N, C-alpha and C. Protein backbone atom coordinates (compact mmCIF):
# COMPACT_ATOMS: atom_id res chain seq x y z
N MET A 1 113.70 80.56 104.29
CA MET A 1 112.80 80.43 103.15
C MET A 1 111.37 80.81 103.58
N GLN A 2 110.94 80.21 104.68
CA GLN A 2 109.58 80.47 105.15
C GLN A 2 109.39 81.93 105.53
N THR A 3 110.40 82.54 106.13
CA THR A 3 110.30 83.94 106.53
C THR A 3 110.09 84.84 105.31
N MET A 4 110.79 84.54 104.23
CA MET A 4 110.66 85.38 103.03
C MET A 4 109.29 85.20 102.35
N PHE A 5 108.76 83.99 102.37
CA PHE A 5 107.40 83.81 101.86
C PHE A 5 106.41 84.58 102.73
N HIS A 6 106.60 84.49 104.05
CA HIS A 6 105.72 85.22 104.97
C HIS A 6 105.80 86.71 104.67
N TYR A 7 107.00 87.23 104.49
CA TYR A 7 107.19 88.63 104.12
C TYR A 7 106.39 88.97 102.86
N ASN A 8 106.55 88.17 101.82
CA ASN A 8 105.84 88.44 100.57
C ASN A 8 104.33 88.45 100.77
N TRP A 9 103.81 87.52 101.56
CA TRP A 9 102.37 87.46 101.79
C TRP A 9 101.88 88.68 102.55
N LEU A 10 102.65 89.13 103.53
CA LEU A 10 102.27 90.34 104.27
C LEU A 10 102.23 91.56 103.36
N VAL A 11 103.27 91.72 102.56
CA VAL A 11 103.34 92.87 101.65
C VAL A 11 102.24 92.78 100.60
N ARG A 12 101.97 91.58 100.10
CA ARG A 12 100.89 91.41 99.11
C ARG A 12 99.55 91.84 99.71
N GLU A 13 99.30 91.44 100.96
CA GLU A 13 98.04 91.84 101.61
C GLU A 13 97.98 93.35 101.76
N GLU A 14 99.11 93.98 102.09
CA GLU A 14 99.13 95.44 102.18
C GLU A 14 98.84 96.07 100.82
N TRP A 15 99.31 95.47 99.74
CA TRP A 15 99.00 96.00 98.40
C TRP A 15 97.51 95.84 98.08
N TYR A 16 96.93 94.72 98.49
CA TYR A 16 95.49 94.57 98.28
C TYR A 16 94.74 95.68 99.01
N GLN A 17 95.13 95.94 100.25
CA GLN A 17 94.48 97.01 101.01
C GLN A 17 94.71 98.37 100.34
N TRP A 18 95.89 98.61 99.83
CA TRP A 18 96.21 99.84 99.11
C TRP A 18 95.28 99.99 97.90
N CYS A 19 95.07 98.89 97.19
CA CYS A 19 94.24 98.91 95.98
C CYS A 19 92.78 99.27 96.27
N GLU A 20 92.33 99.02 97.49
CA GLU A 20 90.93 99.31 97.84
C GLU A 20 90.60 100.79 97.65
N ASN A 21 91.60 101.65 97.70
CA ASN A 21 91.38 103.10 97.57
C ASN A 21 91.70 103.64 96.18
N ILE A 22 91.94 102.75 95.24
CA ILE A 22 92.30 103.15 93.88
C ILE A 22 91.16 102.75 92.94
N PRO A 23 90.74 103.66 92.07
CA PRO A 23 89.67 103.31 91.12
C PRO A 23 90.06 102.10 90.25
N LEU A 24 89.09 101.26 89.96
CA LEU A 24 89.33 100.07 89.15
C LEU A 24 89.99 100.43 87.83
N GLU A 25 89.59 101.54 87.24
CA GLU A 25 90.18 101.96 85.97
C GLU A 25 91.70 102.10 86.09
N GLU A 26 92.18 102.64 87.21
CA GLU A 26 93.62 102.78 87.43
C GLU A 26 94.28 101.42 87.66
N LEU A 27 93.58 100.54 88.36
CA LEU A 27 94.13 99.22 88.63
C LEU A 27 94.28 98.40 87.34
N LEU A 28 93.40 98.63 86.39
CA LEU A 28 93.41 97.88 85.13
C LEU A 28 94.24 98.54 84.03
N ARG A 29 94.58 99.81 84.20
CA ARG A 29 95.31 100.55 83.16
C ARG A 29 96.64 99.86 82.86
N LYS A 30 96.89 99.66 81.55
CA LYS A 30 98.16 99.06 81.12
C LYS A 30 99.28 100.06 81.34
N ARG A 31 100.39 99.54 81.84
CA ARG A 31 101.54 100.38 82.16
C ARG A 31 102.80 99.78 81.57
N THR A 32 103.80 100.59 81.41
CA THR A 32 105.07 100.14 80.85
C THR A 32 105.85 99.33 81.88
N GLY A 33 106.44 98.22 81.42
CA GLY A 33 107.30 97.44 82.29
C GLY A 33 106.60 96.35 83.07
N GLY A 34 105.38 96.04 82.73
CA GLY A 34 104.64 95.04 83.49
C GLY A 34 104.76 93.65 82.93
N VAL A 35 103.80 92.82 83.27
CA VAL A 35 103.77 91.42 82.85
C VAL A 35 103.83 91.34 81.34
N GLY A 36 104.77 90.56 80.82
CA GLY A 36 104.91 90.41 79.38
C GLY A 36 105.24 91.73 78.67
N GLY A 37 105.85 92.65 79.39
CA GLY A 37 106.22 93.93 78.80
C GLY A 37 105.18 95.01 79.04
N VAL A 38 103.91 94.63 79.08
CA VAL A 38 102.85 95.60 79.35
C VAL A 38 101.85 94.94 80.30
N GLY A 39 101.53 95.63 81.35
CA GLY A 39 100.57 95.10 82.31
C GLY A 39 100.08 96.23 83.16
N GLY A 40 99.42 95.92 84.22
CA GLY A 40 98.92 96.94 85.11
C GLY A 40 99.00 96.45 86.54
N ILE A 41 98.51 97.25 87.44
CA ILE A 41 98.60 96.94 88.87
C ILE A 41 97.85 95.64 89.19
N LEU A 42 96.60 95.56 88.81
CA LEU A 42 95.82 94.37 89.14
C LEU A 42 96.34 93.13 88.42
N HIS A 43 96.72 93.31 87.15
CA HIS A 43 97.26 92.19 86.38
C HIS A 43 98.54 91.67 87.03
N THR A 44 99.35 92.57 87.56
CA THR A 44 100.60 92.17 88.20
C THR A 44 100.32 91.40 89.49
N LEU A 45 99.37 91.85 90.29
CA LEU A 45 99.01 91.10 91.49
C LEU A 45 98.49 89.71 91.13
N PHE A 46 97.66 89.64 90.10
CA PHE A 46 97.16 88.36 89.60
C PHE A 46 98.33 87.47 89.19
N HIS A 47 99.27 88.04 88.44
CA HIS A 47 100.43 87.30 87.94
C HIS A 47 101.27 86.74 89.09
N ILE A 48 101.48 87.55 90.13
CA ILE A 48 102.25 87.10 91.31
C ILE A 48 101.60 85.86 91.91
N VAL A 49 100.30 85.91 92.11
CA VAL A 49 99.56 84.80 92.72
C VAL A 49 99.62 83.56 91.83
N ASP A 50 99.39 83.75 90.55
CA ASP A 50 99.36 82.64 89.60
C ASP A 50 100.72 81.96 89.50
N VAL A 51 101.78 82.74 89.42
CA VAL A 51 103.12 82.18 89.30
C VAL A 51 103.52 81.42 90.57
N GLU A 52 103.24 81.99 91.72
CA GLU A 52 103.56 81.32 92.98
C GLU A 52 102.89 79.95 93.03
N TRP A 53 101.60 79.93 92.76
CA TRP A 53 100.83 78.70 92.82
C TRP A 53 101.32 77.70 91.76
N SER A 54 101.61 78.19 90.57
CA SER A 54 102.05 77.31 89.49
C SER A 54 103.36 76.60 89.83
N TRP A 55 104.33 77.35 90.34
CA TRP A 55 105.61 76.73 90.69
C TRP A 55 105.45 75.72 91.82
N ILE A 56 104.65 76.03 92.80
CA ILE A 56 104.44 75.08 93.91
C ILE A 56 103.81 73.80 93.37
N ARG A 57 102.85 73.92 92.49
CA ARG A 57 102.22 72.74 91.89
C ARG A 57 103.24 71.91 91.12
N VAL A 58 104.10 72.58 90.36
CA VAL A 58 105.12 71.87 89.59
C VAL A 58 106.04 71.10 90.53
N LEU A 59 106.46 71.72 91.62
CA LEU A 59 107.33 71.04 92.58
C LEU A 59 106.64 69.83 93.21
N GLN A 60 105.33 69.91 93.35
CA GLN A 60 104.57 68.79 93.92
C GLN A 60 104.29 67.70 92.89
N GLY A 61 104.72 67.92 91.65
CA GLY A 61 104.46 66.93 90.60
C GLY A 61 103.03 66.98 90.08
N ARG A 62 102.37 68.09 90.32
CA ARG A 62 100.97 68.25 89.90
C ARG A 62 100.92 69.07 88.62
N ASP A 63 99.77 69.00 87.96
CA ASP A 63 99.59 69.75 86.72
C ASP A 63 99.69 71.25 86.97
N ASP A 64 100.34 71.92 86.05
CA ASP A 64 100.43 73.36 86.08
C ASP A 64 99.54 73.88 84.96
N PHE A 65 98.63 74.74 85.31
CA PHE A 65 97.86 75.41 84.27
C PHE A 65 97.73 76.87 84.64
N GLN A 66 97.70 77.69 83.64
CA GLN A 66 97.66 79.13 83.85
C GLN A 66 96.22 79.61 83.89
N GLU A 67 95.93 80.42 84.89
CA GLU A 67 94.64 81.08 84.94
C GLU A 67 94.65 82.21 83.91
N ASN A 68 93.47 82.63 83.47
CA ASN A 68 93.34 83.69 82.48
C ASN A 68 92.92 84.99 83.18
N PHE A 69 93.75 86.01 83.07
CA PHE A 69 93.47 87.27 83.75
C PHE A 69 92.13 87.88 83.32
N GLU A 70 91.70 87.60 82.13
CA GLU A 70 90.42 88.15 81.64
C GLU A 70 89.26 87.76 82.56
N GLU A 71 89.42 86.68 83.29
CA GLU A 71 88.37 86.21 84.21
C GLU A 71 88.50 86.81 85.61
N TYR A 72 89.50 87.67 85.81
CA TYR A 72 89.78 88.22 87.14
C TYR A 72 89.97 89.74 87.08
N GLN A 73 88.99 90.43 86.58
CA GLN A 73 89.08 91.86 86.31
C GLN A 73 88.61 92.73 87.47
N SER A 74 88.73 92.23 88.69
CA SER A 74 88.40 93.05 89.85
C SER A 74 89.32 92.66 91.00
N LEU A 75 89.50 93.58 91.93
CA LEU A 75 90.33 93.30 93.10
C LEU A 75 89.76 92.12 93.88
N GLU A 76 88.45 92.08 94.02
CA GLU A 76 87.81 90.99 94.77
C GLU A 76 88.11 89.63 94.15
N LYS A 77 88.07 89.56 92.83
CA LYS A 77 88.33 88.28 92.15
C LYS A 77 89.78 87.85 92.30
N VAL A 78 90.71 88.79 92.23
CA VAL A 78 92.12 88.44 92.40
C VAL A 78 92.38 87.99 93.83
N ARG A 79 91.80 88.69 94.79
CA ARG A 79 91.96 88.29 96.19
C ARG A 79 91.36 86.90 96.43
N GLN A 80 90.22 86.62 95.82
CA GLN A 80 89.59 85.31 96.00
C GLN A 80 90.45 84.22 95.38
N LEU A 81 91.04 84.49 94.23
CA LEU A 81 91.95 83.52 93.62
C LEU A 81 93.12 83.24 94.57
N ASP A 82 93.68 84.29 95.12
CA ASP A 82 94.78 84.15 96.08
C ASP A 82 94.33 83.29 97.26
N THR A 83 93.18 83.58 97.81
CA THR A 83 92.64 82.80 98.93
C THR A 83 92.48 81.33 98.54
N ASN A 84 91.98 81.10 97.33
CA ASN A 84 91.78 79.72 96.86
C ASN A 84 93.09 78.95 96.78
N PHE A 85 94.17 79.64 96.41
CA PHE A 85 95.46 78.98 96.25
C PHE A 85 96.25 78.90 97.55
N GLN A 86 95.91 79.74 98.53
CA GLN A 86 96.74 79.87 99.73
C GLN A 86 96.91 78.59 100.52
N PHE A 87 95.88 77.82 100.68
CA PHE A 87 96.01 76.62 101.50
C PHE A 87 97.11 75.73 100.95
N GLU A 88 97.04 75.44 99.66
CA GLU A 88 98.02 74.55 99.04
C GLU A 88 99.43 75.14 99.11
N VAL A 89 99.56 76.41 98.80
CA VAL A 89 100.87 77.05 98.81
C VAL A 89 101.44 77.10 100.23
N ARG A 90 100.65 77.55 101.18
CA ARG A 90 101.15 77.69 102.55
C ARG A 90 101.49 76.35 103.17
N GLU A 91 100.72 75.32 102.88
CA GLU A 91 101.05 74.00 103.40
C GLU A 91 102.40 73.52 102.87
N PHE A 92 102.64 73.77 101.58
CA PHE A 92 103.92 73.36 101.00
C PHE A 92 105.07 74.14 101.63
N VAL A 93 104.91 75.44 101.76
CA VAL A 93 105.96 76.28 102.37
C VAL A 93 106.16 75.89 103.83
N ARG A 94 105.09 75.65 104.53
CA ARG A 94 105.17 75.27 105.95
C ARG A 94 105.93 73.95 106.11
N SER A 95 105.80 73.06 105.15
CA SER A 95 106.45 71.75 105.25
C SER A 95 107.89 71.78 104.73
N TRP A 96 108.37 72.93 104.29
CA TRP A 96 109.72 73.03 103.72
C TRP A 96 110.76 72.64 104.77
N ASN A 97 111.75 71.87 104.32
CA ASN A 97 112.88 71.53 105.19
C ASN A 97 114.13 71.39 104.33
N VAL A 98 115.25 71.31 104.99
CA VAL A 98 116.54 71.31 104.30
C VAL A 98 116.66 70.12 103.33
N GLU A 99 116.01 69.03 103.59
CA GLU A 99 116.09 67.87 102.69
C GLU A 99 115.49 68.17 101.32
N LYS A 100 114.53 69.07 101.26
CA LYS A 100 113.90 69.39 99.98
C LYS A 100 114.76 70.32 99.12
N GLU A 101 115.69 70.99 99.75
CA GLU A 101 116.53 71.98 99.08
C GLU A 101 117.19 71.45 97.80
N LYS A 102 117.72 70.25 97.85
CA LYS A 102 118.50 69.70 96.73
C LYS A 102 117.69 68.78 95.81
N ASN A 103 116.39 68.61 96.09
CA ASN A 103 115.57 67.83 95.16
C ASN A 103 115.69 68.45 93.78
N ILE A 104 115.61 67.63 92.76
CA ILE A 104 115.77 68.12 91.39
C ILE A 104 114.42 68.19 90.71
N LEU A 105 114.18 69.32 90.05
CA LEU A 105 113.01 69.49 89.20
C LEU A 105 113.47 69.32 87.77
N TYR A 106 112.85 68.40 87.06
CA TYR A 106 113.11 68.21 85.64
C TYR A 106 112.01 68.94 84.89
N ASP A 107 112.38 70.00 84.22
CA ASP A 107 111.41 70.92 83.63
C ASP A 107 111.51 70.90 82.11
N PRO A 108 110.58 70.20 81.42
CA PRO A 108 110.61 70.16 79.95
C PRO A 108 110.47 71.57 79.36
N GLN A 109 111.30 71.86 78.37
CA GLN A 109 111.32 73.17 77.73
C GLN A 109 110.62 73.09 76.37
N PRO A 110 110.18 74.23 75.85
CA PRO A 110 109.50 74.24 74.55
C PRO A 110 110.33 73.64 73.40
N ASP A 111 111.66 73.73 73.50
CA ASP A 111 112.51 73.19 72.43
C ASP A 111 112.78 71.69 72.57
N GLY A 112 112.16 71.05 73.57
CA GLY A 112 112.32 69.62 73.77
C GLY A 112 113.40 69.25 74.78
N SER A 113 114.23 70.19 75.15
CA SER A 113 115.26 69.91 76.15
C SER A 113 114.61 69.88 77.54
N ILE A 114 115.38 69.44 78.51
CA ILE A 114 114.88 69.39 79.87
C ILE A 114 115.83 70.17 80.77
N ALA A 115 115.31 71.22 81.38
CA ALA A 115 116.09 72.01 82.33
C ALA A 115 116.04 71.31 83.68
N THR A 116 117.13 71.37 84.41
CA THR A 116 117.15 70.82 85.76
C THR A 116 117.49 71.94 86.74
N ASP A 117 116.69 72.05 87.74
CA ASP A 117 116.89 73.05 88.79
C ASP A 117 116.63 72.39 90.13
N THR A 118 117.28 72.90 91.16
CA THR A 118 116.97 72.37 92.49
C THR A 118 115.68 73.03 92.98
N TRP A 119 115.00 72.34 93.88
CA TRP A 119 113.79 72.92 94.45
C TRP A 119 114.11 74.22 95.18
N GLY A 120 115.27 74.27 95.83
CA GLY A 120 115.67 75.49 96.53
C GLY A 120 115.79 76.67 95.57
N GLU A 121 116.38 76.43 94.38
CA GLU A 121 116.47 77.49 93.37
C GLU A 121 115.08 77.98 92.97
N VAL A 122 114.19 77.04 92.75
CA VAL A 122 112.83 77.39 92.33
C VAL A 122 112.14 78.22 93.42
N MET A 123 112.26 77.79 94.65
CA MET A 123 111.62 78.52 95.74
C MET A 123 112.17 79.94 95.87
N ARG A 124 113.50 80.08 95.74
CA ARG A 124 114.08 81.43 95.80
C ARG A 124 113.67 82.26 94.59
N HIS A 125 113.48 81.61 93.45
CA HIS A 125 112.98 82.33 92.27
C HIS A 125 111.58 82.88 92.53
N VAL A 126 110.72 82.08 93.13
CA VAL A 126 109.36 82.52 93.43
C VAL A 126 109.39 83.73 94.37
N ILE A 127 110.25 83.68 95.36
CA ILE A 127 110.37 84.81 96.29
C ILE A 127 110.86 86.05 95.55
N ALA A 128 111.92 85.91 94.77
CA ALA A 128 112.49 87.06 94.04
C ALA A 128 111.52 87.59 93.00
N HIS A 129 110.76 86.71 92.38
CA HIS A 129 109.78 87.11 91.37
C HIS A 129 108.78 88.08 91.96
N GLU A 130 108.26 87.75 93.13
CA GLU A 130 107.28 88.63 93.76
C GLU A 130 107.91 89.96 94.17
N ILE A 131 109.10 89.91 94.74
CA ILE A 131 109.77 91.13 95.16
C ILE A 131 110.02 92.04 93.96
N HIS A 132 110.42 91.47 92.84
CA HIS A 132 110.61 92.24 91.61
C HIS A 132 109.32 92.97 91.22
N HIS A 133 108.23 92.25 91.21
CA HIS A 133 106.96 92.87 90.80
C HIS A 133 106.45 93.88 91.83
N ILE A 134 106.75 93.67 93.10
CA ILE A 134 106.38 94.66 94.11
C ILE A 134 107.10 95.98 93.84
N GLY A 135 108.32 95.89 93.36
CA GLY A 135 109.04 97.09 92.96
C GLY A 135 108.34 97.81 91.82
N GLN A 136 107.83 97.05 90.85
CA GLN A 136 107.07 97.66 89.75
C GLN A 136 105.83 98.37 90.28
N LEU A 137 105.12 97.70 91.19
CA LEU A 137 103.92 98.31 91.76
C LEU A 137 104.26 99.63 92.45
N SER A 138 105.40 99.68 93.12
CA SER A 138 105.81 100.90 93.81
C SER A 138 106.03 102.05 92.82
N VAL A 139 106.66 101.77 91.70
CA VAL A 139 106.88 102.79 90.66
C VAL A 139 105.54 103.27 90.13
N TRP A 140 104.65 102.34 89.85
CA TRP A 140 103.34 102.72 89.30
C TRP A 140 102.52 103.51 90.31
N ALA A 141 102.63 103.16 91.58
CA ALA A 141 101.92 103.92 92.62
C ALA A 141 102.37 105.38 92.58
N ARG A 142 103.65 105.59 92.51
CA ARG A 142 104.17 106.97 92.46
C ARG A 142 103.71 107.68 91.19
N GLU A 143 103.64 106.96 90.07
CA GLU A 143 103.20 107.56 88.81
C GLU A 143 101.78 108.11 88.90
N ILE A 144 100.95 107.49 89.74
CA ILE A 144 99.57 107.99 89.87
C ILE A 144 99.42 108.89 91.10
N GLY A 145 100.56 109.28 91.69
CA GLY A 145 100.53 110.22 92.81
C GLY A 145 100.19 109.62 94.15
N GLU A 146 100.36 108.31 94.30
CA GLU A 146 100.04 107.64 95.56
C GLU A 146 101.31 107.13 96.23
N LYS A 147 101.30 107.07 97.53
CA LYS A 147 102.42 106.52 98.29
C LYS A 147 102.35 105.00 98.20
N PRO A 148 103.45 104.35 97.80
CA PRO A 148 103.43 102.88 97.71
C PRO A 148 103.50 102.23 99.08
N VAL A 149 103.19 100.96 99.10
CA VAL A 149 103.35 100.14 100.30
C VAL A 149 104.84 100.02 100.59
N SER A 150 105.21 100.07 101.84
CA SER A 150 106.62 99.92 102.22
C SER A 150 107.08 98.49 101.93
N ALA A 151 108.24 98.39 101.31
CA ALA A 151 108.83 97.08 101.05
C ALA A 151 109.84 96.71 102.14
N ASN A 152 109.92 97.50 103.18
CA ASN A 152 110.90 97.29 104.23
C ASN A 152 110.59 96.01 105.00
N LEU A 153 111.55 95.12 105.06
CA LEU A 153 111.37 93.88 105.80
C LEU A 153 111.50 94.15 107.30
N ILE A 154 112.35 95.10 107.66
CA ILE A 154 112.55 95.45 109.06
C ILE A 154 111.27 96.08 109.60
N GLY A 155 110.88 95.65 110.78
CA GLY A 155 109.69 96.21 111.40
C GLY A 155 108.42 95.43 111.10
N LYS A 156 108.51 94.39 110.30
CA LYS A 156 107.33 93.59 109.98
C LYS A 156 107.11 92.49 111.01
N GLU A 157 108.02 92.43 112.01
CA GLU A 157 107.91 91.45 113.09
C GLU A 157 107.74 90.03 112.57
N LEU A 158 108.60 89.69 111.63
CA LEU A 158 108.57 88.35 111.06
C LEU A 158 109.34 87.39 111.96
N GLY A 159 108.65 86.42 112.44
CA GLY A 159 109.29 85.38 113.24
C GLY A 159 109.59 84.19 112.35
N HIS A 160 109.82 83.10 112.95
CA HIS A 160 110.07 81.88 112.19
C HIS A 160 108.82 81.03 112.02
N THR A 161 107.71 81.55 112.46
CA THR A 161 106.46 80.81 112.31
C THR A 161 105.62 81.45 111.23
N LEU A 162 104.95 80.65 110.48
CA LEU A 162 104.08 81.14 109.42
C LEU A 162 102.70 81.42 109.99
N PRO A 163 102.00 82.37 109.40
CA PRO A 163 100.64 82.67 109.87
C PRO A 163 99.71 81.48 109.62
N ALA A 164 98.66 81.43 110.39
CA ALA A 164 97.65 80.38 110.19
C ALA A 164 97.01 80.56 108.83
N ILE A 165 96.55 79.48 108.31
CA ILE A 165 95.92 79.50 106.98
C ILE A 165 94.48 79.90 107.12
């Protein structure tokens, strides 16, 4: 679990670096297949960070609130948001152990029902969610004539230890 989060964080940082060479107009341009059906490169990076943090907060029994992308219309602001959330997220991931795998999350739904999921399912969802969106970013990179960041896990020298916060 920790290795896959580490992988996602490394690839996310590589996407931030990739974005440094792309005009803001391209980063903000709405594209097909993004967040909520329509989104863009920067909005997708924002969404990845926001969703990761939101799910971790929910698992901790803390309030979940959504940040508003309208307040994060630059690469610097999205990176700062990510930095602000990293301590909490990384500490939770670092403390992950097999005992937490089967904990149950009771998740109230809009229709009044309550969904139940294991914490392990939620954590794997967060990992898969980011990987899915990284695939979208790769398609969009090619659409604008740029080489995308490699999604290859091999060669990233991922050990079993998480990077320092």
